[in-house]
Amino acid sequence: MKLFAALYVDENMHVLVPTYLRSRGFDAIHARDVGMKGASDREQFRFAIEQERAIITHDRLDFLALHEEWLGGALRHYGIILTGVRPPAEIAQRVATLVNRLTADEIANGLFYV
């Protein structure tokens, strides 16, 4: 069992979000840092799944649809964390609170609003 979820920050999020999360001890990467800038939401989601990471994004409608598609097809993902447009430090704080409360297994296949 993995205690903390690894995190993948979508390209539409500020690049400071993973920096703040890493400063709190979390494993967090940004799309820009792994060559995923300009990739579609589906590609971003598949990358997060391949890397066994929960994805953090502002794209509520797109990722809600992907979540439903994946669960409808009995496919596994590692979690989707949706957030409104907020300052990077606030987003990191909200995500950290969630990740500290739930294990990676509890986040997997879940859809969370922070």
PDB file of N, CA and C in Angstrom:
ATOM      1  N   MET A   1       0.849  -1.186   0.000  1.00  0.00           N
ATOM      2  CA  MET A   1       0.000   0.000   0.000  1.00  0.00           C
ATOM      3  C   MET A   1       0.890   1.244   0.000  1.00  0.00           C
ATOM      4  N   LYS A   2       0.568   2.156  -0.852  1.00  0.00           N
ATOM      5  CA  LYS A   2       1.293   3.419  -0.958  1.00  0.00           C
ATOM      6  C   LYS A   2       0.567   4.460  -0.105  1.00  0.00           C
ATOM      7  N   LEU A   3       1.294   5.112   0.774  1.00  0.00           N
ATOM      8  CA  LEU A   3       0.660   6.046   1.689  1.00  0.00           C
ATOM      9  C   LEU A   3       0.225   7.334   0.993  1.00  0.00           C
ATOM     10  N   PHE A   4       1.159   8.026   0.342  1.00  0.00           N
ATOM     11  CA  PHE A   4       0.834   9.307  -0.290  1.00  0.00           C
ATOM     12  C   PHE A   4       0.737   9.167  -1.794  1.00  0.00           C
ATOM     13  N   ALA A   5      -0.275   9.779  -2.360  1.00  0.00           N
ATOM     14  CA  ALA A   5      -0.438   9.776  -3.807  1.00  0.00           C
ATOM     15  C   ALA A   5       0.662  10.621  -4.449  1.00  0.00           C
ATOM     16  N   ALA A   6       1.207  10.130  -5.541  1.00  0.00           N
ATOM     17  CA  ALA A   6       2.097  10.940  -6.376  1.00  0.00           C
ATOM     18  C   ALA A   6       1.200  11.851  -7.202  1.00  0.00           C
ATOM     19  N   LEU A   7       1.682  13.049  -7.508  1.00  0.00           N
ATOM     20  CA  LEU A   7       0.832  14.071  -8.125  1.00  0.00           C
ATOM     21  C   LEU A   7       1.394  14.557  -9.453  1.00  0.00           C
ATOM     22  N   TYR A   8       0.484  14.792 -10.388  1.00  0.00           N
ATOM     23  CA  TYR A   8       0.828  15.337 -11.695  1.00  0.00           C
ATOM     24  C   TYR A   8      -0.015  16.594 -11.897  1.00  0.00           C
ATOM     25  N   VAL A   9       0.636  17.723 -12.077  1.00  0.00           N
ATOM     26  CA  VAL A   9      -0.056  19.004 -12.209  1.00  0.00           C
ATOM     27  C   VAL A   9      -0.217  19.317 -13.697  1.00  0.00           C
ATOM     28  N   ASP A  10      -1.458  19.427 -14.124  1.00  0.00           N
ATOM     29  CA  ASP A  10      -1.809  19.710 -15.513  1.00  0.00           C
ATOM     30  C   ASP A  10      -1.194  21.037 -15.964  1.00  0.00           C
ATOM     31  N   GLU A  11      -1.006  21.178 -17.268  1.00  0.00           N
ATOM     32  CA  GLU A  11      -0.358  22.375 -17.806  1.00  0.00           C
ATOM     33  C   GLU A  11      -1.142  23.658 -17.576  1.00  0.00           C
ATOM     34  N   ASN A  12      -2.429  23.563 -17.293  1.00  0.00           N
ATOM     35  CA  ASN A  12      -3.208  24.782 -17.077  1.00  0.00           C
ATOM     36  C   ASN A  12      -3.045  25.344 -15.659  1.00  0.00           C
ATOM     37  N   MET A  13      -2.295  24.650 -14.839  1.00  0.00           N
ATOM     38  CA  MET A  13      -2.040  25.090 -13.470  1.00  0.00           C
ATOM     39  C   MET A  13      -0.709  25.849 -13.427  1.00  0.00           C
ATOM     40  N   HIS A  14      -0.593  26.747 -12.483  1.00  0.00           N
ATOM     41  CA  HIS A  14       0.632  27.527 -12.320  1.00  0.00           C
ATOM     42  C   HIS A  14       1.795  26.592 -11.973  1.00  0.00           C
ATOM     43  N   VAL A  15       2.978  26.885 -12.517  1.00  0.00           N
ATOM     44  CA  VAL A  15       4.144  26.032 -12.296  1.00  0.00           C
ATOM     45  C   VAL A  15       4.601  26.022 -10.834  1.00  0.00           C
ATOM     46  N   LEU A  16       4.147  26.975 -10.036  1.00  0.00           N
ATOM     47  CA  LEU A  16       4.526  26.986  -8.623  1.00  0.00           C
ATOM     48  C   LEU A  16       3.770  25.950  -7.788  1.00  0.00           C
ATOM     49  N   VAL A  17       2.654  25.454  -8.290  1.00  0.00           N
ATOM     50  CA  VAL A  17       1.877  24.487  -7.506  1.00  0.00           C
ATOM     51  C   VAL A  17       2.724  23.265  -7.139  1.00  0.00           C
ATOM     52  N   PRO A  18       3.381  22.594  -8.102  1.00  0.00           N
ATOM     53  CA  PRO A  18       4.200  21.448  -7.692  1.00  0.00           C
ATOM     54  C   PRO A  18       5.403  21.845  -6.844  1.00  0.00           C
ATOM     55  N   THR A  19       5.922  23.042  -7.052  1.00  0.00           N
ATOM     56  CA  THR A  19       7.036  23.515  -6.227  1.00  0.00           C
ATOM     57  C   THR A  19       6.611  23.599  -4.769  1.00  0.00           C
ATOM     58  N   TYR A  20       5.459  24.201  -4.523  1.00  0.00           N
ATOM     59  CA  TYR A  20       4.932  24.283  -3.157  1.00  0.00           C
ATOM     60  C   TYR A  20       4.668  22.890  -2.586  1.00  0.00           C
ATOM     61  N   LEU A  21       4.123  22.002  -3.405  1.00  0.00           N
ATOM     62  CA  LEU A  21       3.835  20.648  -2.923  1.00  0.00           C
ATOM     63  C   LEU A  21       5.130  19.896  -2.591  1.00  0.00           C
ATOM     64  N   ARG A  22       6.136  20.029  -3.438  1.00  0.00           N
ATOM     65  CA  ARG A  22       7.422  19.378  -3.156  1.00  0.00           C
ATOM     66  C   ARG A  22       8.043  19.919  -1.871  1.00  0.00           C
ATOM     67  N   SER A  23       7.873  21.223  -1.625  1.00  0.00           N
ATOM     68  CA  SER A  23       8.434  21.806  -0.402  1.00  0.00           C
ATOM     69  C   SER A  23       7.779  21.225   0.852  1.00  0.00           C
ATOM     70  N   ARG A  24       6.605  20.626   0.672  1.00  0.00           N
ATOM     71  CA  ARG A  24       5.899  19.976   1.791  1.00  0.00           C
ATOM     72  C   ARG A  24       6.182  18.476   1.825  1.00  0.00           C
ATOM     73  N   GLY A  25       7.064  18.026   0.941  1.00  0.00           N
ATOM     74  CA  GLY A  25       7.468  16.627   0.941  1.00  0.00           C
ATOM     75  C   GLY A  25       6.710  15.713   0.006  1.00  0.00           C
ATOM     76  N   PHE A  26       5.850  16.264  -0.849  1.00  0.00           N
ATOM     77  CA  PHE A  26       5.080  15.444  -1.782  1.00  0.00           C
ATOM     78  C   PHE A  26       5.827  15.246  -3.096  1.00  0.00           C
ATOM     79  N   ASP A  27       5.549  14.137  -3.743  1.00  0.00           N
ATOM     80  CA  ASP A  27       6.087  13.831  -5.063  1.00  0.00           C
ATOM     81  C   ASP A  27       5.158  14.492  -6.080  1.00  0.00           C
ATOM     82  N   ALA A  28       5.575  15.611  -6.645  1.00  0.00           N
ATOM     83  CA  ALA A  28       4.721  16.376  -7.565  1.00  0.00           C
ATOM     84  C   ALA A  28       5.538  16.856  -8.750  1.00  0.00           C
ATOM     85  N   ILE A  29       4.970  16.692  -9.945  1.00  0.00           N
ATOM     86  CA  ILE A  29       5.603  17.167 -11.170  1.00  0.00           C
ATOM     87  C   ILE A  29       4.602  17.999 -11.967  1.00  0.00           C
ATOM     88  N   HIS A  30       5.115  18.852 -12.839  1.00  0.00           N
ATOM     89  CA  HIS A  30       4.277  19.703 -13.693  1.00  0.00           C
ATOM     90  C   HIS A  30       4.404  19.230 -15.141  1.00  0.00           C
ATOM     91  N   ALA A  31       3.322  19.349 -15.889  1.00  0.00           N
ATOM     92  CA  ALA A  31       3.304  18.940 -17.294  1.00  0.00           C
ATOM     93  C   ALA A  31       4.443  19.574 -18.087  1.00  0.00           C
ATOM     94  N   ARG A  32       4.724  20.818 -17.815  1.00  0.00           N
ATOM     95  CA  ARG A  32       5.782  21.527 -18.529  1.00  0.00           C
ATOM     96  C   ARG A  32       7.139  20.855 -18.344  1.00  0.00           C
ATOM     97  N   ASP A  33       7.369  20.326 -17.153  1.00  0.00           N
ATOM     98  CA  ASP A  33       8.671  19.747 -16.824  1.00  0.00           C
ATOM     99  C   ASP A  33       8.894  18.361 -17.421  1.00  0.00           C
ATOM    100  N   VAL A  34       7.836  17.745 -17.929  1.00  0.00           N
ATOM    101  CA  VAL A  34       7.964  16.386 -18.482  1.00  0.00           C
ATOM    102  C   VAL A  34       7.577  16.331 -19.951  1.00  0.00           C
ATOM    103  N   GLY A  35       7.612  17.490 -20.626  1.00  0.00           N
ATOM    104  CA  GLY A  35       7.365  17.533 -22.059  1.00  0.00           C
ATOM    105  C   GLY A  35       5.922  17.348 -22.480  1.00  0.00           C
ATOM    106  N   MET A  36       4.969  17.633 -21.598  1.00  0.00           N
ATOM    107  CA  MET A  36       3.557  17.440 -21.926  1.00  0.00           C
ATOM    108  C   MET A  36       2.830  18.745 -22.228  1.00  0.00           C
ATOM    109  N   LYS A  37       3.562  19.844 -22.335  1.00  0.00           N
ATOM    110  CA  LYS A  37       2.929  21.122 -22.668  1.00  0.00           C
ATOM    111  C   LYS A  37       2.296  21.013 -24.059  1.00  0.00           C
ATOM    112  N   GLY A  38       1.038  21.413 -24.167  1.00  0.00           N
ATOM    113  CA  GLY A  38       0.323  21.360 -25.430  1.00  0.00           C
ATOM    114  C   GLY A  38      -0.405  20.050 -25.685  1.00  0.00           C
ATOM    115  N   ALA A  39      -0.242  19.075 -24.802  1.00  0.00           N
ATOM    116  CA  ALA A  39      -0.938  17.797 -24.965  1.00  0.00           C
ATOM    117  C   ALA A  39      -2.423  17.976 -24.642  1.00  0.00           C
ATOM    118  N   SER A  40      -3.243  17.153 -25.255  1.00  0.00           N
ATOM    119  CA  SER A  40      -4.691  17.210 -24.992  1.00  0.00           C
ATOM    120  C   SER A  40      -4.975  16.728 -23.574  1.00  0.00           C
ATOM    121  N   ASP A  41      -6.178  17.004 -23.094  1.00  0.00           N
ATOM    122  CA  ASP A  41      -6.574  16.543 -21.763  1.00  0.00           C
ATOM    123  C   ASP A  41      -6.496  15.022 -21.676  1.00  0.00           C
ATOM    124  N   ARG A  42      -6.918  14.338 -22.724  1.00  0.00           N
ATOM    125  CA  ARG A  42      -6.857  12.870 -22.744  1.00  0.00           C
ATOM    126  C   ARG A  42      -5.404  12.396 -22.643  1.00  0.00           C
ATOM    127  N   GLU A  43      -4.515  13.053 -23.376  1.00  0.00           N
ATOM    128  CA  GLU A  43      -3.090  12.698 -23.297  1.00  0.00           C
ATOM    129  C   GLU A  43      -2.523  12.990 -21.915  1.00  0.00           C
ATOM    130  N   GLN A  44      -2.930  14.121 -21.333  1.00  0.00           N
ATOM    131  CA  GLN A  44      -2.478  14.458 -19.979  1.00  0.00           C
ATOM    132  C   GLN A  44      -2.936  13.376 -18.997  1.00  0.00           C
ATOM    133  N   PHE A  45      -4.192  12.972 -19.126  1.00  0.00           N
ATOM    134  CA  PHE A  45      -4.762  11.975 -18.228  1.00  0.00           C
ATOM    135  C   PHE A  45      -4.052  10.630 -18.391  1.00  0.00           C
ATOM    136  N   ARG A  46      -3.832  10.226 -19.627  1.00  0.00           N
ATOM    137  CA  ARG A  46      -3.134   8.951 -19.875  1.00  0.00           C
ATOM    138  C   ARG A  46      -1.708   8.983 -19.332  1.00  0.00           C
ATOM    139  N   PHE A  47      -1.044  10.133 -19.477  1.00  0.00           N
ATOM    140  CA  PHE A  47       0.310  10.261 -18.935  1.00  0.00           C
ATOM    141  C   PHE A  47       0.277  10.082 -17.415  1.00  0.00           C
ATOM    142  N   ALA A  48      -0.665  10.749 -16.758  1.00  0.00           N
ATOM    143  CA  ALA A  48      -0.784  10.627 -15.300  1.00  0.00           C
ATOM    144  C   ALA A  48      -1.013   9.165 -14.908  1.00  0.00           C
ATOM    145  N   ILE A  49      -1.840   8.471 -15.651  1.00  0.00           N
ATOM    146  CA  ILE A  49      -2.117   7.059 -15.360  1.00  0.00           C
ATOM    147  C   ILE A  49      -0.858   6.217 -15.565  1.00  0.00           C
ATOM    148  N   GLU A  50      -0.165   6.433 -16.666  1.00  0.00           N
ATOM    149  CA  GLU A  50       1.075   5.681 -16.933  1.00  0.00           C
ATOM    150  C   GLU A  50       2.101   5.897 -15.822  1.00  0.00           C
ATOM    151  N   GLN A  51       2.126   7.104 -15.278  1.00  0.00           N
ATOM    152  CA  GLN A  51       3.073   7.443 -14.215  1.00  0.00           C
ATOM    153  C   GLN A  51       2.541   7.118 -12.812  1.00  0.00           C
ATOM    154  N   GLU A  52       1.315   6.580 -12.754  1.00  0.00           N
ATOM    155  CA  GLU A  52       0.640   6.244 -11.494  1.00  0.00           C
ATOM    156  C   GLU A  52       0.535   7.463 -10.573  1.00  0.00           C
ATOM    157  N   ARG A  53       0.020   8.562 -11.156  1.00  0.00           N
ATOM    158  CA  ARG A  53      -0.114   9.825 -10.440  1.00  0.00           C
ATOM    159  C   ARG A  53      -1.549  10.328 -10.506  1.00  0.00           C
ATOM    160  N   ALA A  54      -1.986  10.961  -9.436  1.00  0.00           N
ATOM    161  CA  ALA A  54      -3.260  11.677  -9.453  1.00  0.00           C
ATOM    162  C   ALA A  54      -3.017  12.984 -10.208  1.00  0.00           C
ATOM    163  N   ILE A  55      -3.973  13.382 -11.014  1.00  0.00           N
ATOM    164  CA  ILE A  55      -3.832  14.616 -11.787  1.00  0.00           C
ATOM    165  C   ILE A  55      -4.565  15.758 -11.084  1.00  0.00           C
ATOM    166  N   ILE A  56      -3.939  16.919 -11.091  1.00  0.00           N
ATOM    167  CA  ILE A  56      -4.535  18.137 -10.526  1.00  0.00           C
ATOM    168  C   ILE A  56      -4.811  19.078 -11.692  1.00  0.00           C
ATOM    169  N   THR A  57      -6.038  19.578 -11.787  1.00  0.00           N
ATOM    170  CA  THR A  57      -6.419  20.385 -12.945  1.00  0.00           C
ATOM    171  C   THR A  57      -7.539  21.358 -12.606  1.00  0.00           C
ATOM    172  N   HIS A  58      -7.663  22.376 -13.461  1.00  0.00           N
ATOM    173  CA  HIS A  58      -8.803  23.302 -13.407  1.00  0.00           C
ATOM    174  C   HIS A  58      -9.921  22.842 -14.358  1.00  0.00           C
ATOM    175  N   ASP A  59      -9.614  21.928 -15.279  1.00  0.00           N
ATOM    176  CA  ASP A  59     -10.542  21.543 -16.351  1.00  0.00           C
ATOM    177  C   ASP A  59     -11.631  20.597 -15.857  1.00  0.00           C
ATOM    178  N   ARG A  60     -12.559  21.146 -15.111  1.00  0.00           N
ATOM    179  CA  ARG A  60     -13.599  20.353 -14.466  1.00  0.00           C
ATOM    180  C   ARG A  60     -14.418  19.520 -15.452  1.00  0.00           C
ATOM    181  N   LEU A  61     -14.971  20.146 -16.464  1.00  0.00           N
ATOM    182  CA  LEU A  61     -15.872  19.428 -17.368  1.00  0.00           C
ATOM    183  C   LEU A  61     -15.156  18.337 -18.160  1.00  0.00           C
ATOM    184  N   ASP A  62     -13.978  18.650 -18.679  1.00  0.00           N
ATOM    185  CA  ASP A  62     -13.234  17.664 -19.468  1.00  0.00           C
ATOM    186  C   ASP A  62     -12.850  16.447 -18.623  1.00  0.00           C
ATOM    187  N   PHE A  63     -12.373  16.710 -17.409  1.00  0.00           N
ATOM    188  CA  PHE A  63     -11.920  15.591 -16.585  1.00  0.00           C
ATOM    189  C   PHE A  63     -13.065  14.852 -15.915  1.00  0.00           C
ATOM    190  N   LEU A  64     -14.176  15.504 -15.709  1.00  0.00           N
ATOM    191  CA  LEU A  64     -15.366  14.794 -15.242  1.00  0.00           C
ATOM    192  C   LEU A  64     -15.787  13.771 -16.300  1.00  0.00           C
ATOM    193  N   ALA A  65     -15.778  14.190 -17.563  1.00  0.00           N
ATOM    194  CA  ALA A  65     -16.123  13.272 -18.660  1.00  0.00           C
ATOM    195  C   ALA A  65     -15.118  12.123 -18.759  1.00  0.00           C
ATOM    196  N   LEU A  66     -13.834  12.421 -18.632  1.00  0.00           N
ATOM    197  CA  LEU A  66     -12.816  11.367 -18.682  1.00  0.00           C
ATOM    198  C   LEU A  66     -12.973  10.398 -17.504  1.00  0.00           C
ATOM    199  N   HIS A  67     -13.259  10.928 -16.341  1.00  0.00           N
ATOM    200  CA  HIS A  67     -13.485  10.099 -15.156  1.00  0.00           C
ATOM    201  C   HIS A  67     -14.636   9.123 -15.401  1.00  0.00           C
ATOM    202  N   GLU A  68     -15.742   9.624 -15.903  1.00  0.00           N
ATOM    203  CA  GLU A  68     -16.902   8.774 -16.166  1.00  0.00           C
ATOM    204  C   GLU A  68     -16.593   7.736 -17.244  1.00  0.00           C
ATOM    205  N   GLU A  69     -15.869   8.151 -18.272  1.00  0.00           N
ATOM    206  CA  GLU A  69     -15.488   7.222 -19.341  1.00  0.00           C
ATOM    207  C   GLU A  69     -14.615   6.089 -18.786  1.00  0.00           C
ATOM    208  N   TRP A  70     -13.639   6.440 -17.976  1.00  0.00           N
ATOM    209  CA  TRP A  70     -12.726   5.437 -17.427  1.00  0.00           C
ATOM    210  C   TRP A  70     -13.466   4.466 -16.516  1.00  0.00           C
ATOM    211  N   LEU A  71     -14.277   4.989 -15.626  1.00  0.00           N
ATOM    212  CA  LEU A  71     -15.000   4.102 -14.711  1.00  0.00           C
ATOM    213  C   LEU A  71     -16.029   3.259 -15.450  1.00  0.00           C
ATOM    214  N   GLY A  72     -16.650   3.846 -16.476  1.00  0.00           N
ATOM    215  CA  GLY A  72     -17.614   3.098 -17.283  1.00  0.00           C
ATOM    216  C   GLY A  72     -16.964   1.948 -18.025  1.00  0.00           C
ATOM    217  N   GLY A  73     -15.697   2.102 -18.355  1.00  0.00           N
ATOM    218  CA  GLY A  73     -14.952   1.055 -19.045  1.00  0.00           C
ATOM    219  C   GLY A  73     -14.189   0.155 -18.086  1.00  0.00           C
ATOM    220  N   ALA A  74     -14.447   0.304 -16.796  1.00  0.00           N
ATOM    221  CA  ALA A  74     -13.782  -0.482 -15.751  1.00  0.00           C
ATOM    222  C   ALA A  74     -12.259  -0.324 -15.815  1.00  0.00           C
ATOM    223  N   LEU A  75     -11.811   0.882 -16.168  1.00  0.00           N
ATOM    224  CA  LEU A  75     -10.379   1.179 -16.219  1.00  0.00           C
ATOM    225  C   LEU A  75      -9.965   1.898 -14.945  1.00  0.00           C
ATOM    226  N   ARG A  76      -8.734   1.708 -14.538  1.00  0.00           N
ATOM    227  CA  ARG A  76      -8.237   2.310 -13.295  1.00  0.00           C
ATOM    228  C   ARG A  76      -7.496   3.610 -13.608  1.00  0.00           C
ATOM    229  N   HIS A  77      -7.708   4.602 -12.755  1.00  0.00           N
ATOM    230  CA  HIS A  77      -6.866   5.794 -12.769  1.00  0.00           C
ATOM    231  C   HIS A  77      -6.456   6.082 -11.339  1.00  0.00           C
ATOM    232  N   TYR A  78      -5.577   7.049 -11.159  1.00  0.00           N
ATOM    233  CA  TYR A  78      -4.982   7.276  -9.842  1.00  0.00           C
ATOM    234  C   TYR A  78      -5.535   8.503  -9.137  1.00  0.00           C
ATOM    235  N   GLY A  79      -6.645   8.999  -9.639  1.00  0.00           N
ATOM    236  CA  GLY A  79      -7.332  10.104  -8.995  1.00  0.00           C
ATOM    237  C   GLY A  79      -7.288  11.376  -9.818  1.00  0.00           C
ATOM    238  N   ILE A  80      -8.366  12.141  -9.694  1.00  0.00           N
ATOM    239  CA  ILE A  80      -8.481  13.450 -10.334  1.00  0.00           C
ATOM    240  C   ILE A  80      -8.816  14.440  -9.226  1.00  0.00           C
ATOM    241  N   ILE A  81      -7.996  15.478  -9.134  1.00  0.00           N
ATOM    242  CA  ILE A  81      -8.209  16.522  -8.138  1.00  0.00           C
ATOM    243  C   ILE A  81      -8.511  17.811  -8.882  1.00  0.00           C
ATOM    244  N   LEU A  82      -9.726  18.299  -8.722  1.00  0.00           N
ATOM    245  CA  LEU A  82     -10.175  19.499  -9.413  1.00  0.00           C
ATOM    246  C   LEU A  82     -10.113  20.690  -8.462  1.00  0.00           C
ATOM    247  N   THR A  83      -9.713  21.820  -9.001  1.00  0.00           N
ATOM    248  CA  THR A  83      -9.626  23.029  -8.198  1.00  0.00           C
ATOM    249  C   THR A  83     -10.066  24.227  -9.016  1.00  0.00           C
ATOM    250  N   GLY A  84     -10.613  25.195  -8.332  1.00  0.00           N
ATOM    251  CA  GLY A  84     -10.930  26.454  -8.989  1.00  0.00           C
ATOM    252  C   GLY A  84      -9.647  27.248  -9.223  1.00  0.00           C
ATOM    253  N   VAL A  85      -9.782  28.339  -9.911  1.00  0.00           N
ATOM    254  CA  VAL A  85      -8.626  29.204 -10.148  1.00  0.00           C
ATOM    255  C   VAL A  85      -8.358  29.979  -8.861  1.00  0.00           C
ATOM    256  N   ARG A  86      -7.227  29.669  -8.253  1.00  0.00           N
ATOM    257  CA  ARG A  86      -6.829  30.277  -6.977  1.00  0.00           C
ATOM    258  C   ARG A  86      -5.327  30.509  -7.012  1.00  0.00           C
ATOM    259  N   PRO A  87      -4.799  31.244  -6.057  1.00  0.00           N
ATOM    260  CA  PRO A  87      -3.346  31.415  -5.975  1.00  0.00           C
ATOM    261  C   PRO A  87      -2.656  30.056  -5.807  1.00  0.00           C
ATOM    262  N   PRO A  88      -1.472  29.873  -6.392  1.00  0.00           N
ATOM    263  CA  PRO A  88      -0.771  28.585  -6.318  1.00  0.00           C
ATOM    264  C   PRO A  88      -0.579  28.066  -4.892  1.00  0.00           C
ATOM    265  N   ALA A  89      -0.245  28.932  -3.957  1.00  0.00           N
ATOM    266  CA  ALA A  89      -0.031  28.483  -2.574  1.00  0.00           C
ATOM    267  C   ALA A  89      -1.320  27.935  -1.974  1.00  0.00           C
ATOM    268  N   GLU A  90      -2.449  28.552  -2.290  1.00  0.00           N
ATOM    269  CA  GLU A  90      -3.732  28.073  -1.768  1.00  0.00           C
ATOM    270  C   GLU A  90      -4.092  26.720  -2.376  1.00  0.00           C
ATOM    271  N   ILE A  91      -3.863  26.574  -3.678  1.00  0.00           N
ATOM    272  CA  ILE A  91      -4.131  25.288  -4.329  1.00  0.00           C
ATOM    273  C   ILE A  91      -3.274  24.206  -3.679  1.00  0.00           C
ATOM    274  N   ALA A  92      -1.987  24.491  -3.504  1.00  0.00           N
ATOM    275  CA  ALA A  92      -1.084  23.510  -2.896  1.00  0.00           C
ATOM    276  C   ALA A  92      -1.554  23.144  -1.490  1.00  0.00           C
ATOM    277  N   GLN A  93      -1.995  24.125  -0.721  1.00  0.00           N
ATOM    278  CA  GLN A  93      -2.486  23.862   0.638  1.00  0.00           C
ATOM    279  C   GLN A  93      -3.705  22.947   0.604  1.00  0.00           C
ATOM    280  N   ARG A  94      -4.637  23.228  -0.280  1.00  0.00           N
ATOM    281  CA  ARG A  94      -5.855  22.420  -0.376  1.00  0.00           C
ATOM    282  C   ARG A  94      -5.532  20.988  -0.810  1.00  0.00           C
ATOM    283  N   VAL A  95      -4.644  20.859  -1.799  1.00  0.00           N
ATOM    284  CA  VAL A  95      -4.252  19.526  -2.263  1.00  0.00           C
ATOM    285  C   VAL A  95      -3.519  18.786  -1.143  1.00  0.00           C
ATOM    286  N   ALA A  96      -2.615  19.458  -0.458  1.00  0.00           N
ATOM    287  CA  ALA A  96      -1.869  18.833   0.634  1.00  0.00           C
ATOM    288  C   ALA A  96      -2.809  18.321   1.720  1.00  0.00           C
ATOM    289  N   THR A  97      -3.831  19.079   2.038  1.00  0.00           N
ATOM    290  CA  THR A  97      -4.805  18.658   3.041  1.00  0.00           C
ATOM    291  C   THR A  97      -5.481  17.357   2.610  1.00  0.00           C
ATOM    292  N   LEU A  98      -5.892  17.291   1.347  1.00  0.00           N
ATOM    293  CA  LEU A  98      -6.529  16.081   0.827  1.00  0.00           C
ATOM    294  C   LEU A  98      -5.574  14.895   0.865  1.00  0.00           C
ATOM    295  N   VAL A  99      -4.363  15.088   0.358  1.00  0.00           N
ATOM    296  CA  VAL A  99      -3.401  13.993   0.254  1.00  0.00           C
ATOM    297  C   VAL A  99      -2.941  13.528   1.645  1.00  0.00           C
ATOM    298  N   ASN A 100      -2.952  14.409   2.602  1.00  0.00           N
ATOM    299  CA  ASN A 100      -2.620  14.010   3.975  1.00  0.00           C
ATOM    300  C   ASN A 100      -3.749  13.221   4.638  1.00  0.00           C
ATOM    301  N   ARG A 101      -4.983  13.444   4.185  1.00  0.00           N
ATOM    302  CA  ARG A 101      -6.146  12.774   4.777  1.00  0.00           C
ATOM    303  C   ARG A 101      -6.408  11.393   4.187  1.00  0.00           C
ATOM    304  N   LEU A 102      -6.101  11.223   2.911  1.00  0.00           N
ATOM    305  CA  LEU A 102      -6.427   9.987   2.206  1.00  0.00           C
ATOM    306  C   LEU A 102      -5.168   9.306   1.676  1.00  0.00           C
ATOM    307  N   THR A 103      -5.163   7.978   1.689  1.00  0.00           N
ATOM    308  CA  THR A 103      -4.036   7.245   1.114  1.00  0.00           C
ATOM    309  C   THR A 103      -4.133   7.281  -0.409  1.00  0.00           C
ATOM    310  N   ALA A 104      -3.058   6.870  -1.049  1.00  0.00           N
ATOM    311  CA  ALA A 104      -3.057   6.790  -2.514  1.00  0.00           C
ATOM    312  C   ALA A 104      -4.167   5.862  -3.002  1.00  0.00           C
ATOM    313  N   ASP A 105      -4.384   4.752  -2.297  1.00  0.00           N
ATOM    314  CA  ASP A 105      -5.448   3.818  -2.684  1.00  0.00           C
ATOM    315  C   ASP A 105      -6.833   4.436  -2.544  1.00  0.00           C
ATOM    316  N   GLU A 106      -7.015   5.287  -1.563  1.00  0.00           N
ATOM    317  CA  GLU A 106      -8.309   5.944  -1.373  1.00  0.00           C
ATOM    318  C   GLU A 106      -8.543   7.033  -2.423  1.00  0.00           C
ATOM    319  N   ILE A 107      -7.475   7.611  -2.934  1.00  0.00           N
ATOM    320  CA  ILE A 107      -7.592   8.633  -3.977  1.00  0.00           C
ATOM    321  C   ILE A 107      -7.799   8.000  -5.349  1.00  0.00           C
ATOM    322  N   ALA A 108      -7.231   6.809  -5.562  1.00  0.00           N
ATOM    323  CA  ALA A 108      -7.341   6.125  -6.847  1.00  0.00           C
ATOM    324  C   ALA A 108      -8.801   5.959  -7.257  1.00  0.00           C
ATOM    325  N   ASN A 109      -9.068   6.240  -8.516  1.00  0.00           N
ATOM    326  CA  ASN A 109     -10.404   6.168  -9.131  1.00  0.00           C
ATOM    327  C   ASN A 109     -11.385   7.196  -8.574  1.00  0.00           C
ATOM    328  N   GLY A 110     -10.900   8.108  -7.752  1.00  0.00           N
ATOM    329  CA  GLY A 110     -11.771   9.126  -7.175  1.00  0.00           C
ATOM    330  C   GLY A 110     -11.707  10.445  -7.919  1.00  0.00           C
ATOM    331  N   LEU A 111     -12.712  11.235  -7.697  1.00  0.00           N
ATOM    332  CA  LEU A 111     -12.807  12.580  -8.244  1.00  0.00           C
ATOM    333  C   LEU A 111     -13.037  13.509  -7.046  1.00  0.00           C
ATOM    334  N   PHE A 112     -12.122  14.449  -6.848  1.00  0.00           N
ATOM    335  CA  PHE A 112     -12.158  15.298  -5.661  1.00  0.00           C
ATOM    336  C   PHE A 112     -12.149  16.772  -6.049  1.00  0.00           C
ATOM    337  N   TYR A 113     -12.921  17.557  -5.332  1.00  0.00           N
ATOM    338  CA  TYR A 113     -12.938  19.010  -5.495  1.00  0.00           C
ATOM    339  C   TYR A 113     -12.261  19.615  -4.284  1.00  0.00           C
ATOM    340  N   VAL A 114     -11.249  20.449  -4.527  1.00  0.00           N
ATOM    341  CA  VAL A 114     -10.576  21.114  -3.402  1.00  0.00           C
ATOM    342  C   VAL A 114     -10.588  22.619  -3.610  1.00  0.00           C
TER     343      VAL A 114
END
